[in-house]
Amino acid sequence: MKIYVIHMKGIIKIVCAFLLIIISMGLSKPYVTEVFNNVSSKQQRKIPIYCVERGDNKISISFDAAWGADDTDDILKILDKHGVKATFFLVGDWVRKYPEEVKKIAAAGHDIGNHSNKHPHMGQLSKEGNKKELMAAHEAVKKLTGIDMNLFRPPFGEYNNTVIEAAEECGYYTIQWDVDSLDWKEFGTDPLIKQVLGNKQLGSGSIILFHNNAKYTKDALDTIITGLKQQGYELVPISQLILKKNYYIDHEGRQRPIKDNKQASLKVKIKK
């Protein structure tokens, strides 16, 4: 068995070195704190807007348009019948393929949002790739309607920090949903109605997801809007639902107003 002998001088040197490290950390605490905060901020997970904290019963319905336009006219007629303004998230390719439908949506006073240019998995793209997707669709809509869009919904609902940062740098609010109609699963008209009207997530500030060309959406929409109004909800476009400044987004994706500085410093994502 080996025996190691540590001389007293060696111990003193180790202790002194340790004390010097502690003292230097104490003296440089502001700097260390700043560096730590910066690193934490860079690593912080960004979250899009799923719903909004509100003091009223306003909610929004939205339609993603990526393939097909056969039912769009019927949807517009139903919305007009009820005096409801919705939000349509359009893919650039859809805009170029169905320019007259885009003009009708704009002329009816509905929000037009960006749903990318080619409907890719944007989480797999670089920040520059994300920006190209966004701005190609942006320019296509602006050329047709003169509208500068500022609402963005990622294809497939997929996102990461790069996707949201790219959208922010292009002047966009990233929007998801908290009530999924599941119309794309094509369960039928009655299941679609029940999925929305009986949804546990449905409440003040909710954002409901539909697709413009899902099989049963147009057949269920009239009953759904009637039911939502009977429950006391006021339907507004997303541009009128969300907060534009002095807000944060909590860990569940609920956009909330900032009420004090302490609250703001503790929350997930802040926009001033």
Protein backbone atom coordinates (compact mmCIF):
# COMPACT_ATOMS: atom_id res chain seq x y z
CA MET A 1 0.00 0.00 0.00
CA LYS A 2 1.33 3.42 -1.00
CA ILE A 3 1.35 6.23 1.55
CA TYR A 4 1.23 9.84 0.31
CA VAL A 5 2.60 12.55 2.54
CA ILE A 6 1.44 16.13 2.05
CA HIS A 7 3.66 18.73 3.66
CA MET A 8 2.13 21.60 5.61
CA LYS A 9 3.51 24.13 3.11
CA GLY A 10 1.69 22.36 0.32
CA ILE A 11 -1.61 22.49 2.22
CA ILE A 12 -1.16 26.20 2.92
CA LYS A 13 -0.55 26.90 -0.77
CA ILE A 14 -3.72 25.03 -1.75
CA VAL A 15 -5.81 26.87 0.83
CA CYS A 16 -4.42 30.25 -0.23
CA ALA A 17 -5.15 29.53 -3.88
CA PHE A 18 -8.71 28.53 -3.03
CA LEU A 19 -9.25 31.73 -1.02
CA LEU A 20 -7.92 33.84 -3.88
CA ILE A 21 -10.41 32.24 -6.27
CA ILE A 22 -13.31 32.96 -3.90
CA ILE A 23 -12.20 36.58 -3.40
CA SER A 24 -11.81 37.17 -7.15
CA MET A 25 -15.28 35.75 -7.80
CA GLY A 26 -16.73 38.05 -5.17
CA LEU A 27 -15.04 41.11 -6.66
CA SER A 28 -16.22 40.26 -10.14
CA LYS A 29 -19.75 39.21 -9.18
CA PRO A 30 -21.53 41.81 -11.38
CA TYR A 31 -19.57 40.64 -14.39
CA VAL A 32 -20.14 36.96 -13.61
CA THR A 33 -23.85 37.60 -13.11
CA GLU A 34 -24.09 39.48 -16.40
CA VAL A 35 -22.36 36.69 -18.31
CA PHE A 36 -24.58 34.06 -16.66
CA ASN A 37 -27.73 36.00 -17.48
CA ASN A 38 -26.66 36.48 -21.08
CA VAL A 39 -25.97 32.75 -21.49
CA SER A 40 -29.27 31.85 -19.83
CA SER A 41 -31.10 34.27 -22.07
CA LYS A 42 -29.57 32.78 -25.20
CA GLN A 43 -30.53 29.28 -24.12
CA GLN A 44 -34.07 30.23 -23.08
CA ARG A 45 -36.76 28.39 -25.00
CA LYS A 46 -38.96 30.69 -27.04
CA ILE A 47 -42.68 29.99 -27.20
CA PRO A 48 -45.27 31.19 -29.73
CA ILE A 49 -48.72 32.54 -28.83
CA TYR A 50 -51.23 29.75 -28.26
CA CYS A 51 -53.94 31.85 -26.60
CA VAL A 52 -54.33 35.22 -24.89
CA GLU A 53 -55.24 36.28 -21.37
CA ARG A 54 -58.15 38.66 -21.72
CA GLY A 55 -60.80 40.25 -19.52
CA ASP A 56 -63.57 39.61 -22.03
CA ASN A 57 -64.98 36.71 -24.06
CA LYS A 58 -63.19 37.41 -27.33
CA ILE A 59 -61.79 34.42 -29.24
CA SER A 60 -60.50 33.83 -32.77
CA ILE A 61 -61.07 31.23 -35.44
CA SER A 62 -58.36 30.59 -38.01
CA PHE A 63 -57.96 28.63 -41.23
CA ASP A 64 -54.74 27.22 -42.65
CA ALA A 65 -54.69 27.17 -46.45
CA ALA A 66 -52.02 25.03 -48.08
CA TRP A 67 -53.81 22.70 -50.51
CA GLY A 68 -57.07 23.14 -52.36
CA ALA A 69 -59.61 25.96 -52.43
CA ASP A 70 -62.88 24.25 -53.32
CA ASP A 71 -64.59 25.15 -50.03
CA THR A 72 -63.14 28.62 -49.53
CA ASP A 73 -66.09 30.47 -51.10
CA ASP A 74 -68.55 28.56 -48.90
CA ILE A 75 -66.50 29.35 -45.80
CA LEU A 76 -66.43 33.05 -46.70
CA LYS A 77 -70.22 33.05 -47.17
CA ILE A 78 -70.78 31.43 -43.76
CA LEU A 79 -68.47 33.91 -42.06
CA ASP A 80 -70.25 36.79 -43.80
CA LYS A 81 -73.64 35.41 -42.76
CA HIS A 82 -72.58 35.58 -39.11
CA GLY A 83 -70.71 38.87 -39.43
CA VAL A 84 -67.51 37.16 -38.29
CA LYS A 85 -63.97 38.10 -39.25
CA ALA A 86 -61.44 35.27 -39.17
CA THR A 87 -57.73 34.81 -39.86
CA PHE A 88 -56.48 32.87 -42.89
CA PHE A 89 -52.87 31.62 -42.83
CA LEU A 90 -51.80 31.21 -46.45
CA VAL A 91 -48.91 29.30 -48.00
CA GLY A 92 -47.08 31.18 -50.76
CA ASP A 93 -47.72 28.44 -53.32
CA TRP A 94 -51.44 28.58 -52.47
CA VAL A 95 -51.43 32.34 -52.98
CA ARG A 96 -49.89 32.01 -56.41
CA LYS A 97 -52.25 29.17 -57.40
CA TYR A 98 -55.46 30.81 -56.12
CA PRO A 99 -54.97 34.57 -56.45
CA GLU A 100 -58.70 35.30 -56.79
CA GLU A 101 -59.44 33.52 -53.51
CA VAL A 102 -56.75 35.57 -51.79
CA LYS A 103 -58.33 38.76 -53.10
CA LYS A 104 -61.77 37.64 -51.87
CA ILE A 105 -60.39 36.94 -48.37
CA ALA A 106 -58.76 40.36 -48.25
CA ALA A 107 -61.81 42.14 -49.66
CA ALA A 108 -64.02 40.56 -46.99
CA GLY A 109 -61.85 42.12 -44.29
CA HIS A 110 -60.34 38.97 -42.84
CA ASP A 111 -56.82 38.77 -41.47
CA ILE A 112 -54.27 37.24 -43.81
CA GLY A 113 -51.36 35.51 -42.11
CA ASN A 114 -48.19 33.86 -43.35
CA HIS A 115 -48.03 30.03 -43.40
CA SER A 116 -44.61 29.87 -45.15
CA ASN A 117 -43.85 29.76 -48.84
CA LYS A 118 -43.58 26.01 -49.55
CA HIS A 119 -44.93 24.46 -46.30
CA PRO A 120 -41.60 22.90 -45.23
CA HIS A 121 -40.47 21.64 -41.83
CA MET A 122 -39.04 25.00 -40.86
CA GLY A 123 -37.33 23.68 -37.74
CA GLN A 124 -34.90 21.95 -40.08
CA LEU A 125 -33.96 25.19 -41.83
CA SER A 126 -31.34 27.77 -40.93
CA LYS A 127 -32.43 31.20 -39.78
CA GLU A 128 -31.73 32.55 -43.25
CA GLY A 129 -33.76 29.71 -44.77
CA ASN A 130 -36.67 30.58 -42.49
CA LYS A 131 -36.52 34.22 -43.50
CA LYS A 132 -36.55 33.33 -47.18
CA GLU A 133 -39.66 31.18 -46.65
CA LEU A 134 -41.40 33.97 -44.78
CA MET A 135 -40.53 36.79 -47.09
CA ALA A 136 -41.31 34.92 -50.31
CA ALA A 137 -44.88 34.38 -49.08
CA HIS A 138 -44.96 37.91 -47.68
CA GLU A 139 -44.13 39.45 -51.04
CA ALA A 140 -46.62 37.23 -52.87
CA VAL A 141 -49.49 38.45 -50.65
CA LYS A 142 -48.33 42.05 -50.71
CA LYS A 143 -48.15 42.05 -54.51
CA LEU A 144 -51.75 40.81 -54.75
CA THR A 145 -53.39 42.74 -51.92
CA GLY A 146 -51.00 45.42 -50.70
CA ILE A 147 -51.13 43.83 -47.22
CA ASP A 148 -47.99 43.64 -45.10
CA MET A 149 -48.64 40.51 -43.04
CA ASN A 150 -47.38 40.27 -39.44
CA LEU A 151 -48.96 37.01 -38.23
CA PHE A 152 -47.13 33.74 -38.85
CA ARG A 153 -48.12 30.13 -38.24
CA PRO A 154 -45.38 27.53 -38.76
CA PRO A 155 -46.30 24.57 -40.99
CA PHE A 156 -47.22 21.46 -38.99
CA GLY A 157 -47.15 23.63 -35.87
CA GLU A 158 -43.41 22.90 -35.64
CA TYR A 159 -41.06 25.50 -34.21
CA ASN A 160 -37.83 26.09 -32.34
CA ASN A 161 -35.93 29.18 -31.27
CA THR A 162 -34.51 29.68 -34.77
CA VAL A 163 -38.00 29.68 -36.33
CA ILE A 164 -39.40 32.18 -33.84
CA GLU A 165 -36.33 34.44 -33.95
CA ALA A 166 -36.45 34.51 -37.76
CA ALA A 167 -40.13 35.44 -37.62
CA GLU A 168 -39.49 38.19 -35.07
CA GLU A 169 -36.69 39.63 -37.18
CA CYS A 170 -39.09 39.71 -40.15
CA GLY A 171 -41.66 41.60 -38.08
CA TYR A 172 -43.97 38.67 -37.31
CA TYR A 173 -45.86 37.38 -34.27
CA THR A 174 -45.73 33.56 -34.23
CA ILE A 175 -49.22 32.14 -33.68
CA GLN A 176 -50.30 28.62 -32.73
CA TRP A 177 -53.68 27.51 -31.32
CA ASP A 178 -55.08 26.08 -28.09
CA VAL A 179 -58.22 24.53 -29.63
CA ASP A 180 -57.62 22.05 -32.45
CA SER A 181 -60.76 21.23 -34.40
CA LEU A 182 -59.06 18.07 -35.73
CA ASP A 183 -60.93 18.70 -38.98
CA TRP A 184 -57.98 17.26 -40.87
CA LYS A 185 -58.74 13.82 -39.37
CA GLU A 186 -62.11 13.81 -41.17
CA PHE A 187 -64.09 12.15 -38.38
CA GLY A 188 -67.34 13.67 -39.66
CA THR A 189 -69.48 16.76 -39.14
CA ASP A 190 -70.92 15.97 -35.70
CA PRO A 191 -67.58 14.90 -34.14
CA LEU A 192 -66.04 18.11 -35.52
CA ILE A 193 -68.76 20.24 -33.93
CA LYS A 194 -68.38 18.48 -30.58
CA GLN A 195 -64.58 18.71 -30.73
CA VAL A 196 -64.78 22.50 -30.85
CA LEU A 197 -67.85 23.38 -28.78
CA GLY A 198 -67.06 20.87 -26.04
CA ASN A 199 -63.31 21.42 -25.99
CA LYS A 200 -61.88 21.69 -22.47
CA GLN A 201 -59.36 24.29 -23.63
CA LEU A 202 -62.00 26.60 -25.09
CA GLY A 203 -62.19 29.87 -23.18
CA SER A 204 -61.56 33.59 -23.28
CA GLY A 205 -58.64 34.36 -25.59
CA SER A 206 -58.73 30.99 -27.37
CA ILE A 207 -57.47 30.51 -30.91
CA ILE A 208 -59.26 27.77 -32.85
CA LEU A 209 -57.57 25.90 -35.71
CA PHE A 210 -59.41 24.88 -38.89
CA HIS A 211 -58.26 24.10 -42.43
CA ASN A 212 -59.97 25.71 -45.40
CA ASN A 213 -60.18 22.52 -47.43
CA ALA A 214 -60.76 19.82 -44.79
CA LYS A 215 -63.65 17.56 -45.78
CA TYR A 216 -66.25 18.54 -43.16
CA THR A 217 -65.18 22.04 -42.14
CA LYS A 218 -67.66 23.98 -44.26
CA ASP A 219 -70.49 21.66 -43.19
CA ALA A 220 -69.76 22.13 -39.48
CA LEU A 221 -68.78 25.80 -39.48
CA ASP A 222 -72.27 27.34 -39.36
CA THR A 223 -73.28 25.27 -36.32
CA ILE A 224 -69.93 25.89 -34.62
CA ILE A 225 -70.14 29.67 -34.97
CA THR A 226 -73.75 29.64 -33.73
CA GLY A 227 -72.72 27.50 -30.77
CA LEU A 228 -69.77 29.72 -29.89
CA LYS A 229 -72.00 32.79 -29.89
CA GLN A 230 -74.56 30.99 -27.73
CA GLN A 231 -71.79 30.31 -25.23
CA GLY A 232 -71.21 34.07 -25.07
CA TYR A 233 -68.07 34.36 -27.18
CA GLU A 234 -67.29 37.25 -29.50
CA LEU A 235 -65.32 36.17 -32.56
CA VAL A 236 -62.58 38.54 -33.74
CA PRO A 237 -59.56 38.16 -36.04
CA ILE A 238 -56.28 37.28 -34.34
CA SER A 239 -54.90 40.76 -35.03
CA GLN A 240 -57.55 42.09 -32.64
CA LEU A 241 -57.08 39.32 -30.08
CA ILE A 242 -53.37 39.43 -29.31
CA LEU A 243 -51.42 42.03 -27.38
CA LYS A 244 -48.94 44.01 -29.48
CA LYS A 245 -46.64 45.25 -26.69
CA ASN A 246 -45.92 45.02 -22.96
CA TYR A 247 -46.62 41.31 -22.75
CA TYR A 248 -44.97 38.03 -21.91
CA ILE A 249 -45.75 34.46 -22.93
CA ASP A 250 -45.93 31.93 -20.11
CA HIS A 251 -44.79 28.31 -20.22
CA GLU A 252 -48.16 27.19 -21.60
CA GLY A 253 -48.06 29.66 -24.49
CA ARG A 254 -50.62 32.04 -23.00
CA GLN A 255 -49.88 35.65 -23.88
CA ARG A 256 -50.31 37.82 -20.78
CA PRO A 257 -50.01 41.57 -20.10
CA ILE A 258 -47.05 42.72 -18.01
CA LYS A 259 -48.37 44.19 -14.77
CA ASP A 260 -45.15 45.07 -12.95
CA ASN A 261 -41.36 44.95 -13.35
CA LYS A 262 -40.90 42.03 -10.97
CA GLN A 263 -43.37 39.99 -12.96
CA ALA A 264 -41.67 40.85 -16.23
CA SER A 265 -38.23 39.80 -14.99
CA LEU A 266 -39.42 36.31 -14.08
CA LYS A 267 -41.32 35.31 -17.20
CA VAL A 268 -40.48 33.22 -20.23
CA LYS A 269 -40.58 35.66 -23.14
CA ILE A 270 -41.13 39.39 -23.05
CA LYS A 271 -42.07 41.90 -25.73
CA LYS A 272 -41.89 45.62 -24.91
